[in-house]
Amino acid sequence: MDKQDLQTLASTFGTPIFVFDETQLENRVNAIKQIVGNNIHLCYSIKANPFLIPVMQTAIETLEVCSPGELEICATLGVVLPSFLIILL
């Protein structure tokens, strides 16, 4: 994503705007994987960013789910159960 892309988004949606570059996110996840190696598996806690589930589901091994609402979001998006880490408090 370059400056022109950001200016187009700002013109289209107004400011302030919060933008995630999925390609950059995947690149950073892959860089972390290179650093930690194959013995450490990454887990993404969806919290307030469930819109990142599709990209994170393919980039990492596990999604952390902490509420029935988060579980429902994952089910709606077709996330398969073996990739969940369910936290019950």
Protein backbone atom coordinates (compact mmCIF):
# COMPACT_ATOMS: atom_id res chain seq x y z
CA MET A 1 0.00 0.00 0.00
CA ASP A 2 1.52 3.31 -1.03
CA LYS A 3 0.77 6.97 -0.39
CA GLN A 4 -1.65 7.16 -3.34
CA ASP A 5 -3.63 4.18 -2.02
CA LEU A 6 -3.91 5.86 1.38
CA GLN A 7 -4.99 9.17 -0.15
CA THR A 8 -7.67 7.36 -2.18
CA LEU A 9 -8.95 5.62 0.96
CA ALA A 10 -9.02 8.92 2.87
CA SER A 11 -10.92 10.60 0.02
CA THR A 12 -13.39 7.74 -0.21
CA PHE A 13 -14.02 7.09 3.49
CA GLY A 14 -12.89 10.30 5.18
CA THR A 15 -10.50 10.69 8.05
CA PRO A 16 -9.56 9.55 10.53
CA ILE A 17 -9.38 6.07 9.05
CA PHE A 18 -7.66 2.95 10.33
CA VAL A 19 -6.21 0.77 7.57
CA PHE A 20 -4.66 -2.70 7.68
CA ASP A 21 -2.39 -3.75 4.83
CA GLU A 22 -2.99 -7.52 4.66
CA THR A 23 0.07 -8.11 2.50
CA GLN A 24 2.28 -6.27 5.00
CA LEU A 25 0.65 -8.23 7.85
CA GLU A 26 1.39 -11.54 6.13
CA ASN A 27 4.97 -10.44 5.47
CA ARG A 28 5.47 -9.59 9.15
CA VAL A 29 3.95 -12.87 10.32
CA ASN A 30 6.26 -14.76 7.95
CA ALA A 31 9.25 -12.78 9.24
CA ILE A 32 8.34 -13.72 12.82
CA LYS A 33 8.01 -17.38 11.78
CA GLN A 34 11.50 -17.23 10.28
CA ILE A 35 12.86 -15.84 13.56
CA VAL A 36 11.14 -18.29 15.95
CA GLY A 37 11.44 -21.38 13.77
CA ASN A 38 9.15 -24.40 13.46
CA ASN A 39 9.05 -25.32 17.15
CA ILE A 40 6.96 -22.29 18.11
CA HIS A 41 3.45 -21.93 16.71
CA LEU A 42 1.78 -18.54 16.51
CA CYS A 43 -1.71 -17.84 17.83
CA TYR A 44 -3.87 -14.85 16.87
CA SER A 45 -6.33 -13.52 19.44
CA ILE A 46 -9.22 -12.13 17.42
CA LYS A 47 -10.50 -9.71 20.11
CA ALA A 48 -11.59 -6.49 18.40
CA ASN A 49 -10.19 -7.40 14.99
CA PRO A 50 -12.30 -10.26 13.65
CA PHE A 51 -12.06 -8.76 10.16
CA LEU A 52 -8.47 -10.06 10.08
CA ILE A 53 -9.55 -13.69 10.57
CA PRO A 54 -9.46 -14.62 6.86
CA VAL A 55 -5.86 -13.48 6.39
CA MET A 56 -4.68 -14.67 9.81
CA GLN A 57 -6.31 -18.08 9.38
CA THR A 58 -4.02 -18.75 6.44
CA ALA A 59 -0.95 -17.08 8.00
CA ILE A 60 -0.89 -18.76 11.44
CA GLU A 61 -1.82 -22.06 13.03
CA THR A 62 -4.32 -21.08 15.76
CA LEU A 63 -7.01 -18.51 16.54
CA GLU A 64 -7.73 -17.69 20.18
CA VAL A 65 -11.45 -17.45 20.94
CA CYS A 66 -12.58 -16.05 24.30
CA SER A 67 -16.34 -15.62 23.99
CA PRO A 68 -19.42 -17.18 22.42
CA GLY A 69 -19.58 -14.16 20.10
CA GLU A 70 -16.04 -14.74 18.85
CA LEU A 71 -16.82 -18.43 18.37
CA GLU A 72 -19.92 -17.51 16.35
CA ILE A 73 -17.88 -15.12 14.16
CA CYS A 74 -15.41 -17.92 13.44
CA ALA A 75 -18.23 -20.36 12.65
CA THR A 76 -19.81 -17.82 10.28
CA LEU A 77 -16.46 -17.41 8.49
CA GLY A 78 -16.01 -21.20 8.21
CA VAL A 79 -13.00 -21.50 10.52
CA VAL A 80 -12.43 -25.16 11.35
CA LEU A 81 -12.50 -26.21 15.01
CA PRO A 82 -8.99 -27.76 15.28
CA SER A 83 -7.48 -24.31 14.73
CA PHE A 84 -9.18 -22.79 17.81
CA LEU A 85 -7.70 -22.13 21.22
CA ILE A 86 -10.79 -21.63 23.39
CA ILE A 87 -10.25 -19.74 26.63
CA LEU A 88 -12.91 -20.14 29.33
CA LEU A 89 -12.66 -17.92 32.37
